[in-house]
Amino acid sequence: MPQDRSQKTKSAFDAALAAQRAGELETAIALYTQVLQSDGNRPDALNNLGVGLRQTGRFAAAEVCYRRVLKLGEPTAGSYTNLGNVLRDQGKLAESEAAYLSALELDADSAAAHYGLGLVLRDLEHIEDSLDAFGSALSLDPDNAQYEWDRALSLLRVGRYREGFEAYESRWRQPGHIKLETKPEWQGDQLAGRTLLLYGEQGFGDVIQFARFLRDDAWQD
């Protein structure tokens, strides 16, 4: 009988994992809950349940899961990083920073922990420190477009515009950003006798903000 129960729990966990990978989060959450009703001390089920709860905006419940994971076994950098993420989601910035620092004490080469620390440091208005953290994350994962994007935002915040806008090009490597293929692309050279096409790519706010830099005779219907 115990073997049958164990097999049912394994099947439920495997089904939950498959549902989570397929983006069926509510199904995954229900199945992880079922697993934990049979064995409430499974760190893997608690962690994955926390991930699903966070993805669906239930941050306080996700925090409970992550804290339980940390109590059950040997803490890992990943566990502390998950906790830092969900604490930041809730605006608990000091606690979030402490969680990321705990992650880095366990694994100084955790790119995700450096990145999370960079985000929360920027939230705390420690912009230069955030740049150090993003730089560390990128040194460990140099092709990560999300890390480069957030580094760009911090560079722009401190007025390092040339570096910031160069790093800002990383947005084209992120999901959902489709670049209009124009030929040739302007490289900043002289425009005498030529026409430059400007188009909005990030919403009306940015269009309104930067339209003030255009000459009055630049507009066409």
C-alpha atoms as a PDB file:
ATOM      1  CA  MET A   1       0.000   0.000   0.000  1.00  0.00           C
ATOM      2  CA  PRO A   2       2.754   2.533   0.843  1.00  0.00           C
ATOM      3  CA  GLN A   3       4.388   1.654  -2.485  1.00  0.00           C
ATOM      4  CA  ASP A   4       1.139   2.435  -4.321  1.00  0.00           C
ATOM      5  CA  ARG A   5       0.948   5.782  -2.537  1.00  0.00           C
ATOM      6  CA  SER A   6       4.554   6.566  -3.427  1.00  0.00           C
ATOM      7  CA  GLN A   7       3.896   5.720  -7.066  1.00  0.00           C
ATOM      8  CA  LYS A   8       0.823   7.960  -7.132  1.00  0.00           C
ATOM      9  CA  THR A   9       2.843  10.803  -5.631  1.00  0.00           C
ATOM     10  CA  LYS A  10       5.588  10.334  -8.236  1.00  0.00           C
ATOM     11  CA  SER A  11       3.018  10.287 -11.027  1.00  0.00           C
ATOM     12  CA  ALA A  12       1.399  13.459  -9.699  1.00  0.00           C
ATOM     13  CA  PHE A  13       4.785  15.199  -9.492  1.00  0.00           C
ATOM     14  CA  ASP A  14       5.733  14.163 -13.024  1.00  0.00           C
ATOM     15  CA  ALA A  15       2.344  15.371 -14.302  1.00  0.00           C
ATOM     16  CA  ALA A  16       2.781  18.670 -12.439  1.00  0.00           C
ATOM     17  CA  LEU A  17       6.219  19.186 -13.943  1.00  0.00           C
ATOM     18  CA  ALA A  18       4.925  18.452 -17.447  1.00  0.00           C
ATOM     19  CA  ALA A  19       2.023  20.870 -16.977  1.00  0.00           C
ATOM     20  CA  GLN A  20       4.363  23.587 -15.691  1.00  0.00           C
ATOM     21  CA  ARG A  21       6.680  23.186 -18.661  1.00  0.00           C
ATOM     22  CA  ALA A  22       3.663  23.417 -20.966  1.00  0.00           C
ATOM     23  CA  GLY A  23       2.559  26.671 -19.318  1.00  0.00           C
ATOM     24  CA  GLU A  24      -0.515  25.092 -17.710  1.00  0.00           C
ATOM     25  CA  LEU A  25       0.200  26.750 -14.391  1.00  0.00           C
ATOM     26  CA  GLU A  26      -3.098  26.255 -12.583  1.00  0.00           C
ATOM     27  CA  THR A  27      -2.989  22.539 -13.347  1.00  0.00           C
ATOM     28  CA  ALA A  28       0.610  22.378 -12.144  1.00  0.00           C
ATOM     29  CA  ILE A  29      -0.225  24.236  -8.930  1.00  0.00           C
ATOM     30  CA  ALA A  30      -3.106  21.859  -8.173  1.00  0.00           C
ATOM     31  CA  LEU A  31      -0.913  18.803  -8.782  1.00  0.00           C
ATOM     32  CA  TYR A  32       2.000  20.101  -6.684  1.00  0.00           C
ATOM     33  CA  THR A  33      -0.488  20.786  -3.900  1.00  0.00           C
ATOM     34  CA  GLN A  34      -1.684  17.201  -4.222  1.00  0.00           C
ATOM     35  CA  VAL A  35       1.895  15.937  -3.941  1.00  0.00           C
ATOM     36  CA  LEU A  36       2.516  18.039  -0.835  1.00  0.00           C
ATOM     37  CA  GLN A  37      -0.643  16.752   0.815  1.00  0.00           C
ATOM     38  CA  SER A  38       0.993  13.316   0.691  1.00  0.00           C
ATOM     39  CA  ASP A  39       4.485  14.540   1.562  1.00  0.00           C
ATOM     40  CA  GLY A  40       4.719  18.097   2.848  1.00  0.00           C
ATOM     41  CA  ASN A  41       8.498  17.989   3.121  1.00  0.00           C
ATOM     42  CA  ARG A  42       9.443  17.650  -0.543  1.00  0.00           C
ATOM     43  CA  PRO A  43      11.747  20.572  -1.404  1.00  0.00           C
ATOM     44  CA  ASP A  44      11.396  19.979  -5.148  1.00  0.00           C
ATOM     45  CA  ALA A  45       7.589  20.164  -5.033  1.00  0.00           C
ATOM     46  CA  LEU A  46       7.671  23.194  -2.742  1.00  0.00           C
ATOM     47  CA  ASN A  47      10.175  24.993  -4.954  1.00  0.00           C
ATOM     48  CA  ASN A  48       8.241  24.299  -8.156  1.00  0.00           C
ATOM     49  CA  LEU A  49       4.983  25.261  -6.487  1.00  0.00           C
ATOM     50  CA  GLY A  50       6.636  28.525  -5.443  1.00  0.00           C
ATOM     51  CA  VAL A  51       7.672  29.159  -9.041  1.00  0.00           C
ATOM     52  CA  GLY A  52       4.123  28.576 -10.270  1.00  0.00           C
ATOM     53  CA  LEU A  53       2.602  30.754  -7.581  1.00  0.00           C
ATOM     54  CA  ARG A  54       5.007  33.572  -8.391  1.00  0.00           C
ATOM     55  CA  GLN A  55       4.264  33.288 -12.099  1.00  0.00           C
ATOM     56  CA  THR A  56       0.558  33.707 -11.333  1.00  0.00           C
ATOM     57  CA  GLY A  57       1.111  36.707  -9.058  1.00  0.00           C
ATOM     58  CA  ARG A  58       0.587  34.989  -5.708  1.00  0.00           C
ATOM     59  CA  PHE A  59       3.760  36.364  -4.225  1.00  0.00           C
ATOM     60  CA  ALA A  60       3.058  35.904  -0.506  1.00  0.00           C
ATOM     61  CA  ALA A  61       2.179  32.235  -1.022  1.00  0.00           C
ATOM     62  CA  ALA A  62       5.320  31.743  -3.129  1.00  0.00           C
ATOM     63  CA  GLU A  63       7.397  33.305  -0.359  1.00  0.00           C
ATOM     64  CA  VAL A  64       6.007  30.756   2.114  1.00  0.00           C
ATOM     65  CA  CYS A  65       7.071  27.936  -0.217  1.00  0.00           C
ATOM     66  CA  TYR A  66      10.594  29.274  -0.676  1.00  0.00           C
ATOM     67  CA  ARG A  67      11.112  29.848   3.041  1.00  0.00           C
ATOM     68  CA  ARG A  68       9.943  26.295   3.711  1.00  0.00           C
ATOM     69  CA  VAL A  69      12.471  24.986   1.186  1.00  0.00           C
ATOM     70  CA  LEU A  70      15.276  26.812   3.004  1.00  0.00           C
ATOM     71  CA  LYS A  71      14.221  25.303   6.343  1.00  0.00           C
ATOM     72  CA  LEU A  72      13.962  21.746   5.079  1.00  0.00           C
ATOM     73  CA  GLY A  73      17.456  21.105   3.815  1.00  0.00           C
ATOM     74  CA  GLU A  74      20.832  22.482   2.891  1.00  0.00           C
ATOM     75  CA  PRO A  75      20.270  26.027   1.581  1.00  0.00           C
ATOM     76  CA  THR A  76      21.365  26.663  -1.993  1.00  0.00           C
ATOM     77  CA  ALA A  77      22.112  29.805  -3.965  1.00  0.00           C
ATOM     78  CA  GLY A  78      19.118  29.025  -6.155  1.00  0.00           C
ATOM     79  CA  SER A  79      16.773  28.836  -3.166  1.00  0.00           C
ATOM     80  CA  TYR A  80      17.945  32.177  -1.808  1.00  0.00           C
ATOM     81  CA  THR A  81      17.722  33.729  -5.279  1.00  0.00           C
ATOM     82  CA  ASN A  82      14.126  32.545  -5.644  1.00  0.00           C
ATOM     83  CA  LEU A  83      13.335  34.046  -2.265  1.00  0.00           C
ATOM     84  CA  GLY A  84      15.043  37.312  -3.225  1.00  0.00           C
ATOM     85  CA  ASN A  85      12.981  37.491  -6.407  1.00  0.00           C
ATOM     86  CA  VAL A  86       9.635  37.116  -4.685  1.00  0.00           C
ATOM     87  CA  LEU A  87      10.578  39.490  -1.871  1.00  0.00           C
ATOM     88  CA  ARG A  88      11.419  42.116  -4.490  1.00  0.00           C
ATOM     89  CA  ASP A  89       8.059  41.464  -6.143  1.00  0.00           C
ATOM     90  CA  GLN A  90       6.445  42.473  -2.853  1.00  0.00           C
ATOM     91  CA  GLY A  91       8.576  45.569  -2.351  1.00  0.00           C
ATOM     92  CA  LYS A  92      10.486  44.030   0.573  1.00  0.00           C
ATOM     93  CA  LEU A  93      13.718  45.441  -0.754  1.00  0.00           C
ATOM     94  CA  ALA A  94      15.997  45.152   2.279  1.00  0.00           C
ATOM     95  CA  GLU A  95      14.992  41.517   2.785  1.00  0.00           C
ATOM     96  CA  SER A  96      15.410  40.862  -0.907  1.00  0.00           C
ATOM     97  CA  GLU A  97      18.941  42.305  -0.902  1.00  0.00           C
ATOM     98  CA  ALA A  98      19.840  40.128   2.084  1.00  0.00           C
ATOM     99  CA  ALA A  99      18.545  37.025   0.292  1.00  0.00           C
ATOM    100  CA  TYR A 100      20.650  37.725  -2.802  1.00  0.00           C
ATOM    101  CA  LEU A 101      23.729  38.324  -0.662  1.00  0.00           C
ATOM    102  CA  SER A 102      23.092  34.994   1.070  1.00  0.00           C
ATOM    103  CA  ALA A 103      22.919  33.352  -2.350  1.00  0.00           C
ATOM    104  CA  LEU A 104      26.250  34.866  -3.323  1.00  0.00           C
ATOM    105  CA  GLU A 105      27.873  33.728  -0.085  1.00  0.00           C
ATOM    106  CA  LEU A 106      27.010  30.187  -1.155  1.00  0.00           C
ATOM    107  CA  ASP A 107      27.887  30.637  -4.815  1.00  0.00           C
ATOM    108  CA  ALA A 108      29.802  33.725  -5.898  1.00  0.00           C
ATOM    109  CA  ASP A 109      29.423  32.579  -9.514  1.00  0.00           C
ATOM    110  CA  SER A 110      25.632  32.674  -9.556  1.00  0.00           C
ATOM    111  CA  ALA A 111      24.784  35.004 -12.430  1.00  0.00           C
ATOM    112  CA  ALA A 112      21.104  34.996 -11.439  1.00  0.00           C
ATOM    113  CA  ALA A 113      21.930  36.151  -7.911  1.00  0.00           C
ATOM    114  CA  HIS A 114      24.187  38.962  -9.170  1.00  0.00           C
ATOM    115  CA  TYR A 115      21.435  40.027 -11.557  1.00  0.00           C
ATOM    116  CA  GLY A 116      18.747  39.995  -8.875  1.00  0.00           C
ATOM    117  CA  LEU A 117      21.030  41.988  -6.591  1.00  0.00           C
ATOM    118  CA  GLY A 118      21.499  44.532  -9.374  1.00  0.00           C
ATOM    119  CA  LEU A 119      17.739  44.949  -9.730  1.00  0.00           C
ATOM    120  CA  VAL A 120      17.108  45.491  -6.041  1.00  0.00           C
ATOM    121  CA  LEU A 121      20.080  47.857  -5.683  1.00  0.00           C
ATOM    122  CA  ARG A 122      18.628  49.964  -8.478  1.00  0.00           C
ATOM    123  CA  ASP A 123      15.250  49.931  -6.716  1.00  0.00           C
ATOM    124  CA  LEU A 124      17.067  51.214  -3.635  1.00  0.00           C
ATOM    125  CA  GLU A 125      18.636  54.012  -5.747  1.00  0.00           C
ATOM    126  CA  HIS A 126      22.132  52.555  -5.407  1.00  0.00           C
ATOM    127  CA  ILE A 127      22.657  52.882  -9.134  1.00  0.00           C
ATOM    128  CA  GLU A 128      26.445  52.608  -9.297  1.00  0.00           C
ATOM    129  CA  ASP A 129      26.327  49.491  -7.126  1.00  0.00           C
ATOM    130  CA  SER A 130      23.672  48.047  -9.412  1.00  0.00           C
ATOM    131  CA  LEU A 131      26.042  48.524 -12.351  1.00  0.00           C
ATOM    132  CA  ASP A 132      28.702  46.506 -10.533  1.00  0.00           C
ATOM    133  CA  ALA A 133      26.192  43.716  -9.921  1.00  0.00           C
ATOM    134  CA  PHE A 134      24.976  43.684 -13.526  1.00  0.00           C
ATOM    135  CA  GLY A 135      28.579  43.677 -14.699  1.00  0.00           C
ATOM    136  CA  SER A 136      29.274  40.608 -12.549  1.00  0.00           C
ATOM    137  CA  ALA A 137      26.196  38.866 -13.940  1.00  0.00           C
ATOM    138  CA  LEU A 138      27.304  39.599 -17.508  1.00  0.00           C
ATOM    139  CA  SER A 139      30.836  38.401 -16.869  1.00  0.00           C
ATOM    140  CA  LEU A 140      29.310  35.037 -15.975  1.00  0.00           C
ATOM    141  CA  ASP A 141      26.631  35.022 -18.693  1.00  0.00           C
ATOM    142  CA  PRO A 142      27.806  37.483 -21.372  1.00  0.00           C
ATOM    143  CA  ASP A 143      25.122  36.651 -23.943  1.00  0.00           C
ATOM    144  CA  ASN A 144      22.165  37.283 -21.637  1.00  0.00           C
ATOM    145  CA  ALA A 145      20.131  40.050 -23.276  1.00  0.00           C
ATOM    146  CA  GLN A 146      18.028  40.675 -20.164  1.00  0.00           C
ATOM    147  CA  TYR A 147      21.115  41.357 -18.057  1.00  0.00           C
ATOM    148  CA  GLU A 148      22.463  43.754 -20.694  1.00  0.00           C
ATOM    149  CA  TRP A 149      19.088  45.506 -20.964  1.00  0.00           C
ATOM    150  CA  ASP A 150      18.944  46.221 -17.240  1.00  0.00           C
ATOM    151  CA  ARG A 151      22.558  47.341 -17.247  1.00  0.00           C
ATOM    152  CA  ALA A 152      21.577  49.788 -19.995  1.00  0.00           C
ATOM    153  CA  LEU A 153      18.784  51.220 -17.866  1.00  0.00           C
ATOM    154  CA  SER A 154      21.174  51.822 -14.974  1.00  0.00           C
ATOM    155  CA  LEU A 155      23.743  53.437 -17.285  1.00  0.00           C
ATOM    156  CA  LEU A 156      21.086  55.812 -18.589  1.00  0.00           C
ATOM    157  CA  ARG A 157      19.996  56.606 -15.030  1.00  0.00           C
ATOM    158  CA  VAL A 158      23.492  57.895 -14.194  1.00  0.00           C
ATOM    159  CA  GLY A 159      23.830  59.865 -17.424  1.00  0.00           C
ATOM    160  CA  ARG A 160      26.300  57.564 -19.182  1.00  0.00           C
ATOM    161  CA  TYR A 161      24.303  57.946 -22.368  1.00  0.00           C
ATOM    162  CA  ARG A 162      26.757  56.662 -24.979  1.00  0.00           C
ATOM    163  CA  GLU A 163      27.336  53.403 -23.110  1.00  0.00           C
ATOM    164  CA  GLY A 164      23.704  53.219 -22.101  1.00  0.00           C
ATOM    165  CA  PHE A 165      22.269  53.523 -25.594  1.00  0.00           C
ATOM    166  CA  GLU A 166      24.825  51.077 -26.965  1.00  0.00           C
ATOM    167  CA  ALA A 167      23.748  48.540 -24.342  1.00  0.00           C
ATOM    168  CA  TYR A 168      20.117  49.452 -25.043  1.00  0.00           C
ATOM    169  CA  GLU A 169      20.448  47.712 -28.418  1.00  0.00           C
ATOM    170  CA  SER A 170      20.172  44.445 -26.474  1.00  0.00           C
ATOM    171  CA  ARG A 171      16.392  44.931 -26.523  1.00  0.00           C
ATOM    172  CA  TRP A 172      16.322  43.469 -30.033  1.00  0.00           C
ATOM    173  CA  ARG A 173      17.572  40.168 -28.645  1.00  0.00           C
ATOM    174  CA  GLN A 174      14.654  39.870 -26.233  1.00  0.00           C
ATOM    175  CA  PRO A 175      11.374  38.068 -26.935  1.00  0.00           C
ATOM    176  CA  GLY A 176       8.659  40.295 -28.357  1.00  0.00           C
ATOM    177  CA  HIS A 177      10.957  42.980 -29.779  1.00  0.00           C
ATOM    178  CA  ILE A 178      10.751  42.899 -33.561  1.00  0.00           C
ATOM    179  CA  LYS A 179      13.135  45.161 -35.393  1.00  0.00           C
ATOM    180  CA  LEU A 180      11.934  46.954 -38.515  1.00  0.00           C
ATOM    181  CA  GLU A 181      14.387  45.985 -41.209  1.00  0.00           C
ATOM    182  CA  THR A 182      15.418  49.226 -42.901  1.00  0.00           C
ATOM    183  CA  LYS A 183      18.236  49.403 -45.437  1.00  0.00           C
ATOM    184  CA  PRO A 184      20.605  50.939 -44.850  1.00  0.00           C
ATOM    185  CA  GLU A 185      20.346  51.521 -41.104  1.00  0.00           C
ATOM    186  CA  TRP A 186      21.481  54.998 -40.073  1.00  0.00           C
ATOM    187  CA  GLN A 187      24.899  55.018 -38.421  1.00  0.00           C
ATOM    188  CA  GLY A 188      24.881  58.668 -37.329  1.00  0.00           C
ATOM    189  CA  ASP A 189      26.442  60.057 -40.510  1.00  0.00           C
ATOM    190  CA  GLN A 190      25.374  63.263 -42.279  1.00  0.00           C
ATOM    191  CA  LEU A 191      21.829  63.322 -43.631  1.00  0.00           C
ATOM    192  CA  ALA A 192      22.106  66.202 -46.132  1.00  0.00           C
ATOM    193  CA  GLY A 193      19.816  65.496 -49.080  1.00  0.00           C
ATOM    194  CA  ARG A 194      18.516  62.263 -47.591  1.00  0.00           C
ATOM    195  CA  THR A 195      15.431  61.198 -45.646  1.00  0.00           C
ATOM    196  CA  LEU A 196      15.575  59.459 -42.266  1.00  0.00           C
ATOM    197  CA  LEU A 197      12.679  57.201 -41.298  1.00  0.00           C
ATOM    198  CA  LEU A 198      11.722  57.415 -37.621  1.00  0.00           C
ATOM    199  CA  TYR A 199       9.207  55.009 -36.167  1.00  0.00           C
ATOM    200  CA  GLY A 200       7.822  54.301 -32.706  1.00  0.00           C
ATOM    201  CA  GLU A 201       8.809  50.940 -31.262  1.00  0.00           C
ATOM    202  CA  GLN A 202       8.004  51.182 -27.552  1.00  0.00           C
ATOM    203  CA  GLY A 203       4.721  52.986 -27.201  1.00  0.00           C
ATOM    204  CA  PHE A 204       3.379  56.528 -27.249  1.00  0.00           C
ATOM    205  CA  GLY A 205       5.277  57.639 -24.135  1.00  0.00           C
ATOM    206  CA  ASP A 206       8.661  57.292 -25.797  1.00  0.00           C
ATOM    207  CA  VAL A 207       7.364  58.797 -29.052  1.00  0.00           C
ATOM    208  CA  ILE A 208       6.149  61.893 -27.216  1.00  0.00           C
ATOM    209  CA  GLN A 209       9.344  62.149 -25.164  1.00  0.00           C
ATOM    210  CA  PHE A 210      11.717  62.048 -28.135  1.00  0.00           C
ATOM    211  CA  ALA A 211       9.578  63.868 -30.711  1.00  0.00           C
ATOM    212  CA  ARG A 212      10.772  67.155 -29.203  1.00  0.00           C
ATOM    213  CA  PHE A 213      14.203  66.542 -30.729  1.00  0.00           C
ATOM    214  CA  LEU A 214      12.798  66.645 -34.280  1.00  0.00           C
ATOM    215  CA  ARG A 215      12.779  69.823 -36.349  1.00  0.00           C
ATOM    216  CA  ASP A 216       9.369  71.304 -37.009  1.00  0.00           C
ATOM    217  CA  ASP A 217       9.665  70.571 -40.737  1.00  0.00           C
ATOM    218  CA  ALA A 218      10.493  66.897 -40.158  1.00  0.00           C
ATOM    219  CA  TRP A 219       6.898  65.718 -39.928  1.00  0.00           C
ATOM    220  CA  GLN A 220       5.025  64.136 -42.815  1.00  0.00           C
ATOM    221  CA  ASP A 221       1.536  62.691 -42.945  1.00  0.00           C
END
